PDB file of all heavy atoms in Angstrom:
ATOM      1  N   THR A   1     101.498 -78.584 -85.102  1.00  0.00           N
ATOM      2  CA  THR A   1     100.678 -77.425 -85.464  1.00  0.00           C
ATOM      3  C   THR A   1     101.184 -76.834 -86.776  1.00  0.00           C
ATOM      4  O   THR A   1     102.370 -76.937 -87.107  1.00  0.00           O
ATOM      5  CB  THR A   1     100.687 -76.340 -84.377  1.00  0.00           C
ATOM      6  OG1 THR A   1     102.014 -75.858 -84.218  1.00  0.00           O
ATOM      7  CG2 THR A   1     100.151 -76.877 -83.068  1.00  0.00           C
ATOM      8  N   SER A   2     100.263 -76.229 -87.515  1.00  0.00           N
ATOM      9  CA  SER A   2     100.612 -75.616 -88.792  1.00  0.00           C
ATOM     10  C   SER A   2      99.543 -74.588 -89.168  1.00  0.00           C
ATOM     11  O   SER A   2      98.420 -74.647 -88.688  1.00  0.00           O
ATOM     12  CB  SER A   2     100.704 -76.681 -89.888  1.00  0.00           C
ATOM     13  OG  SER A   2     101.110 -76.101 -91.106  1.00  0.00           O
ATOM     14  N   ARG A   3      99.932 -73.695 -90.050  1.00  0.00           N
ATOM     15  CA  ARG A   3      98.992 -72.707 -90.590  1.00  0.00           C
ATOM     16  C   ARG A   3      98.728 -72.991 -92.070  1.00  0.00           C
ATOM     17  O   ARG A   3      98.318 -72.112 -92.804  1.00  0.00           O
ATOM     18  CB  ARG A   3      99.576 -71.300 -90.437  1.00  0.00           C
ATOM     19  CG  ARG A   3      99.753 -70.849 -89.006  1.00  0.00           C
ATOM     20  CD  ARG A   3     100.190 -69.411 -88.916  1.00  0.00           C
ATOM     21  NE  ARG A   3      99.524 -68.510 -89.829  1.00  0.00           N
ATOM     22  CZ  ARG A   3      98.304 -68.003 -89.640  1.00  0.00           C
ATOM     23  NH1 ARG A   3      97.623 -68.311 -88.567  1.00  0.00           N
ATOM     24  NH2 ARG A   3      97.781 -67.186 -90.525  1.00  0.00           N
ATOM     25  N   ARG A   4      98.942 -74.198 -92.532  1.00  0.00           N
ATOM     26  CA  ARG A   4      98.921 -74.492 -93.970  1.00  0.00           C
ATOM     27  C   ARG A   4      97.621 -74.178 -94.683  1.00  0.00           C
ATOM     28  O   ARG A   4      97.643 -73.918 -95.877  1.00  0.00           O
ATOM     29  CB  ARG A   4      99.370 -75.916 -94.252  1.00  0.00           C
ATOM     30  CG  ARG A   4      98.622 -76.973 -93.524  1.00  0.00           C
ATOM     31  CD  ARG A   4      99.196 -78.370 -93.746  1.00  0.00           C
ATOM     32  NE  ARG A   4     100.533 -78.442 -93.214  1.00  0.00           N
ATOM     33  CZ  ARG A   4     101.498 -79.209 -93.727  1.00  0.00           C
ATOM     34  NH1 ARG A   4     101.249 -79.980 -94.729  1.00  0.00           N
ATOM     35  NH2 ARG A   4     102.690 -79.200 -93.203  1.00  0.00           N
ATOM     36  N   THR A   5      96.476 -74.206 -94.033  1.00  0.00           N
ATOM     37  CA  THR A   5      95.222 -73.879 -94.725  1.00  0.00           C
ATOM     38  C   THR A   5      94.631 -72.548 -94.273  1.00  0.00           C
ATOM     39  O   THR A   5      93.559 -72.174 -94.733  1.00  0.00           O
ATOM     40  CB  THR A   5      94.166 -74.986 -94.522  1.00  0.00           C
ATOM     41  OG1 THR A   5      93.865 -75.092 -93.139  1.00  0.00           O
ATOM     42  CG2 THR A   5      94.646 -76.315 -95.065  1.00  0.00           C
ATOM     43  N   LEU A   6      95.321 -71.846 -93.393  1.00  0.00           N
ATOM     44  CA  LEU A   6      94.821 -70.551 -92.924  1.00  0.00           C
ATOM     45  C   LEU A   6      95.344 -69.425 -93.805  1.00  0.00           C
ATOM     46  O   LEU A   6      96.446 -69.506 -94.338  1.00  0.00           O
ATOM     47  CB  LEU A   6      95.255 -70.306 -91.479  1.00  0.00           C
ATOM     48  CG  LEU A   6      94.732 -71.300 -90.443  1.00  0.00           C
ATOM     49  CD1 LEU A   6      95.341 -71.004 -89.086  1.00  0.00           C
ATOM     50  CD2 LEU A   6      93.220 -71.245 -90.374  1.00  0.00           C
ATOM     51  N   LYS A   7      94.558 -68.391 -93.939  1.00  0.00           N
ATOM     52  CA  LYS A   7      94.991 -67.214 -94.692  1.00  0.00           C
ATOM     53  C   LYS A   7      95.961 -66.403 -93.846  1.00  0.00           C
ATOM     54  O   LYS A   7      95.961 -66.487 -92.615  1.00  0.00           O
ATOM     55  CB  LYS A   7      93.786 -66.376 -95.084  1.00  0.00           C
ATOM     56  CG  LYS A   7      92.889 -67.098 -96.049  1.00  0.00           C
ATOM     57  CD  LYS A   7      91.713 -66.250 -96.437  1.00  0.00           C
ATOM     58  CE  LYS A   7      90.895 -67.045 -97.435  1.00  0.00           C
ATOM     59  NZ  LYS A   7      89.495 -66.957 -97.221  1.00  0.00           N
ATOM     60  N   GLU A   8      96.769 -65.597 -94.505  1.00  0.00           N
ATOM     61  CA  GLU A   8      97.807 -64.802 -93.843  1.00  0.00           C
ATOM     62  C   GLU A   8      97.271 -63.996 -92.665  1.00  0.00           C
ATOM     63  O   GLU A   8      97.890 -63.919 -91.614  1.00  0.00           O
ATOM     64  CB  GLU A   8      98.456 -63.868 -94.871  1.00  0.00           C
ATOM     65  CG  GLU A   8      99.634 -63.107 -94.364  1.00  0.00           C
ATOM     66  CD  GLU A   8     100.945 -63.831 -94.560  1.00  0.00           C
ATOM     67  OE1 GLU A   8     101.022 -64.751 -95.378  1.00  0.00           O
ATOM     68  OE2 GLU A   8     101.893 -63.460 -93.871  1.00  0.00           O
ATOM     69  N   ALA A   9      96.099 -63.395 -92.807  1.00  0.00           N
ATOM     70  CA  ALA A   9      95.553 -62.513 -91.763  1.00  0.00           C
ATOM     71  C   ALA A   9      94.846 -63.270 -90.642  1.00  0.00           C
ATOM     72  O   ALA A   9      94.551 -62.699 -89.606  1.00  0.00           O
ATOM     73  CB  ALA A   9      94.592 -61.513 -92.387  1.00  0.00           C
ATOM     74  N   GLU A  10      94.564 -64.565 -90.836  1.00  0.00           N
ATOM     75  CA  GLU A  10      93.860 -65.333 -89.811  1.00  0.00           C
ATOM     76  C   GLU A  10      94.805 -65.698 -88.667  1.00  0.00           C
ATOM     77  O   GLU A  10      95.917 -66.148 -88.901  1.00  0.00           O
ATOM     78  CB  GLU A  10      93.281 -66.620 -90.411  1.00  0.00           C
ATOM     79  CG  GLU A  10      92.112 -66.409 -91.318  1.00  0.00           C
ATOM     80  CD  GLU A  10      91.565 -67.715 -91.829  1.00  0.00           C
ATOM     81  OE1 GLU A  10      92.214 -68.329 -92.693  1.00  0.00           O
ATOM     82  OE2 GLU A  10      90.484 -68.122 -91.371  1.00  0.00           O
ATOM     83  N   PRO A  11      94.356 -65.522 -87.426  1.00  0.00           N
ATOM     84  CA  PRO A  11      95.205 -65.878 -86.284  1.00  0.00           C
ATOM     85  C   PRO A  11      95.188 -67.386 -86.019  1.00  0.00           C
ATOM     86  O   PRO A  11      94.289 -68.089 -86.479  1.00  0.00           O
ATOM     87  CB  PRO A  11      94.561 -65.116 -85.135  1.00  0.00           C
ATOM     88  CG  PRO A  11      93.125 -65.037 -85.507  1.00  0.00           C
ATOM     89  CD  PRO A  11      93.102 -64.913 -87.013  1.00  0.00           C
ATOM     90  N   GLY A  12      96.170 -67.857 -85.267  1.00  0.00           N
ATOM     91  CA  GLY A  12      96.164 -69.231 -84.774  1.00  0.00           C
ATOM     92  C   GLY A  12      96.816 -70.247 -85.682  1.00  0.00           C
ATOM     93  O   GLY A  12      97.419 -69.920 -86.698  1.00  0.00           O
ATOM     94  N   SER A  13      96.672 -71.497 -85.277  1.00  0.00           N
ATOM     95  CA  SER A  13      97.209 -72.646 -85.996  1.00  0.00           C
ATOM     96  C   SER A  13      96.208 -73.780 -85.925  1.00  0.00           C
ATOM     97  O   SER A  13      95.264 -73.744 -85.144  1.00  0.00           O
ATOM     98  CB  SER A  13      98.526 -73.114 -85.362  1.00  0.00           C
ATOM     99  OG  SER A  13      99.514 -72.140 -85.483  1.00  0.00           O
ATOM    100  N   GLU A  14      96.445 -74.807 -86.713  1.00  0.00           N
ATOM    101  CA  GLU A  14      95.613 -76.003 -86.717  1.00  0.00           C
ATOM    102  C   GLU A  14      96.482 -77.194 -86.321  1.00  0.00           C
ATOM    103  O   GLU A  14      97.696 -77.155 -86.479  1.00  0.00           O
ATOM    104  CB  GLU A  14      95.053 -76.266 -88.114  1.00  0.00           C
ATOM    105  CG  GLU A  14      94.246 -75.125 -88.667  1.00  0.00           C
ATOM    106  CD  GLU A  14      93.963 -75.305 -90.147  1.00  0.00           C
ATOM    107  OE1 GLU A  14      94.905 -75.537 -90.909  1.00  0.00           O
ATOM    108  OE2 GLU A  14      92.790 -75.204 -90.514  1.00  0.00           O
ATOM    109  N   VAL A  15      95.853 -78.263 -85.837  1.00  0.00           N
ATOM    110  CA  VAL A  15      96.587 -79.486 -85.516  1.00  0.00           C
ATOM    111  C   VAL A  15      96.517 -80.414 -86.719  1.00  0.00           C
ATOM    112  O   VAL A  15      95.447 -80.641 -87.286  1.00  0.00           O
ATOM    113  CB  VAL A  15      95.996 -80.180 -84.268  1.00  0.00           C
ATOM    114  CG1 VAL A  15      96.703 -81.505 -84.012  1.00  0.00           C
ATOM    115  CG2 VAL A  15      96.121 -79.267 -83.057  1.00  0.00           C
ATOM    116  N   TRP A  16      97.678 -80.942 -87.097  1.00  0.00           N
ATOM    117  CA  TRP A  16      97.808 -81.874 -88.215  1.00  0.00           C
ATOM    118  C   TRP A  16      98.463 -83.158 -87.711  1.00  0.00           C
ATOM    119  O   TRP A  16      99.132 -83.156 -86.683  1.00  0.00           O
ATOM    120  CB  TRP A  16      98.658 -81.257 -89.327  1.00  0.00           C
ATOM    121  CG  TRP A  16      97.955 -80.148 -90.032  1.00  0.00           C
ATOM    122  CD1 TRP A  16      97.759 -78.875 -89.586  1.00  0.00           C
ATOM    123  CD2 TRP A  16      97.343 -80.225 -91.309  1.00  0.00           C
ATOM    124  NE1 TRP A  16      97.054 -78.149 -90.517  1.00  0.00           N
ATOM    125  CE2 TRP A  16      96.790 -78.952 -91.585  1.00  0.00           C
ATOM    126  CE3 TRP A  16      97.206 -81.227 -92.254  1.00  0.00           C
ATOM    127  CZ2 TRP A  16      96.107 -78.679 -92.762  1.00  0.00           C
ATOM    128  CZ3 TRP A  16      96.532 -80.945 -93.433  1.00  0.00           C
ATOM    129  CH2 TRP A  16      95.988 -79.685 -93.672  1.00  0.00           C
ATOM    130  N   ILE A  17      98.302 -84.244 -88.477  1.00  0.00           N
ATOM    131  CA  ILE A  17      98.871 -85.542 -88.125  1.00  0.00           C
ATOM    132  C   ILE A  17      99.689 -86.051 -89.303  1.00  0.00           C
ATOM    133  O   ILE A  17      99.300 -85.902 -90.455  1.00  0.00           O
ATOM    134  CB  ILE A  17      97.751 -86.584 -87.827  1.00  0.00           C
ATOM    135  CG1 ILE A  17      96.779 -86.071 -86.775  1.00  0.00           C
ATOM    136  CG2 ILE A  17      98.350 -87.927 -87.444  1.00  0.00           C
ATOM    137  CD1 ILE A  17      97.341 -85.955 -85.391  1.00  0.00           C
ATOM    138  N   VAL A  18     100.830 -86.678 -88.997  1.00  0.00           N
ATOM    139  CA  VAL A  18     101.661 -87.305 -90.030  1.00  0.00           C
ATOM    140  C   VAL A  18     102.219 -88.608 -89.464  1.00  0.00           C
ATOM    141  O   VAL A  18     102.403 -88.738 -88.251  1.00  0.00           O
ATOM    142  CB  VAL A  18     102.800 -86.349 -90.493  1.00  0.00           C
ATOM    143  CG1 VAL A  18     103.827 -86.135 -89.396  1.00  0.00           C
ATOM    144  CG2 VAL A  18     103.456 -86.846 -91.767  1.00  0.00           C
ATOM    145  N   ARG A  19     102.485 -89.556 -90.324  1.00  0.00           N
ATOM    146  CA  ARG A  19     103.112 -90.812 -89.894  1.00  0.00           C
ATOM    147  C   ARG A  19     104.633 -90.606 -89.802  1.00  0.00           C
ATOM    148  O   ARG A  19     105.197 -89.849 -90.590  1.00  0.00           O
ATOM    149  CB  ARG A  19     102.794 -91.927 -90.878  1.00  0.00           C
ATOM    150  CG  ARG A  19     101.317 -92.237 -90.943  1.00  0.00           C
ATOM    151  CD  ARG A  19     101.038 -93.484 -91.785  1.00  0.00           C
ATOM    152  NE  ARG A  19      99.623 -93.606 -92.062  1.00  0.00           N
ATOM    153  CZ  ARG A  19      98.708 -94.010 -91.196  1.00  0.00           C
ATOM    154  NH1 ARG A  19      99.068 -94.324 -89.988  1.00  0.00           N
ATOM    155  NH2 ARG A  19      97.441 -94.098 -91.551  1.00  0.00           N
ATOM    156  N   PRO A  20     105.297 -91.279 -88.878  1.00  0.00           N
ATOM    157  CA  PRO A  20     106.754 -91.104 -88.730  1.00  0.00           C
ATOM    158  C   PRO A  20     107.548 -91.463 -89.977  1.00  0.00           C
ATOM    159  O   PRO A  20     108.635 -90.938 -90.180  1.00  0.00           O
ATOM    160  CB  PRO A  20     107.117 -92.046 -87.581  1.00  0.00           C
ATOM    161  CG  PRO A  20     105.851 -92.307 -86.863  1.00  0.00           C
ATOM    162  CD  PRO A  20     104.740 -92.152 -87.860  1.00  0.00           C
ATOM    163  N   GLY A  21     106.998 -92.311 -90.828  1.00  0.00           N
ATOM    164  CA  GLY A  21     107.683 -92.675 -92.063  1.00  0.00           C
ATOM    165  C   GLY A  21     107.477 -91.670 -93.175  1.00  0.00           C
ATOM    166  O   GLY A  21     108.035 -91.793 -94.251  1.00  0.00           O
ATOM    167  N   GLY A  22     106.665 -90.637 -92.910  1.00  0.00           N
ATOM    168  CA  GLY A  22     106.387 -89.618 -93.913  1.00  0.00           C
ATOM    169  C   GLY A  22     105.024 -89.821 -94.554  1.00  0.00           C
ATOM    170  O   GLY A  22     104.221 -90.620 -94.103  1.00  0.00           O
ATOM    171  N   GLY A  23     104.781 -89.082 -95.590  1.00  0.00           N
ATOM    172  CA  GLY A  23     103.492 -89.112 -96.269  1.00  0.00           C
ATOM    173  C   GLY A  23     102.791 -87.784 -96.119  1.00  0.00           C
ATOM    174  O   GLY A  23     103.287 -86.869 -95.461  1.00  0.00           O
ATOM    175  N   GLU A  24     101.619 -87.686 -96.706  1.00  0.00           N
ATOM    176  CA  GLU A  24     100.866 -86.440 -96.677  1.00  0.00           C
ATOM    177  C   GLU A  24     100.181 -86.261 -95.323  1.00  0.00           C
ATOM    178  O   GLU A  24      99.444 -87.134 -94.885  1.00  0.00           O
ATOM    179  CB  GLU A  24      99.821 -86.442 -97.793  1.00  0.00           C
ATOM    180  CG  GLU A  24      99.125 -85.131 -98.001  1.00  0.00           C
ATOM    181  CD  GLU A  24     100.069 -84.025 -98.456  1.00  0.00           C
ATOM    182  OE1 GLU A  24     101.046 -84.304 -99.149  1.00  0.00           O
ATOM    183  OE2 GLU A  24      99.801 -82.865 -98.099  1.00  0.00           O
TER     184      GLU A  24
END
């Protein structure tokens, strides 16, 4: 979970995916 695209005042989090070797 992350708040990377949410604004400061917005509640909650979003689900993100990453590969174990890294990457965007």
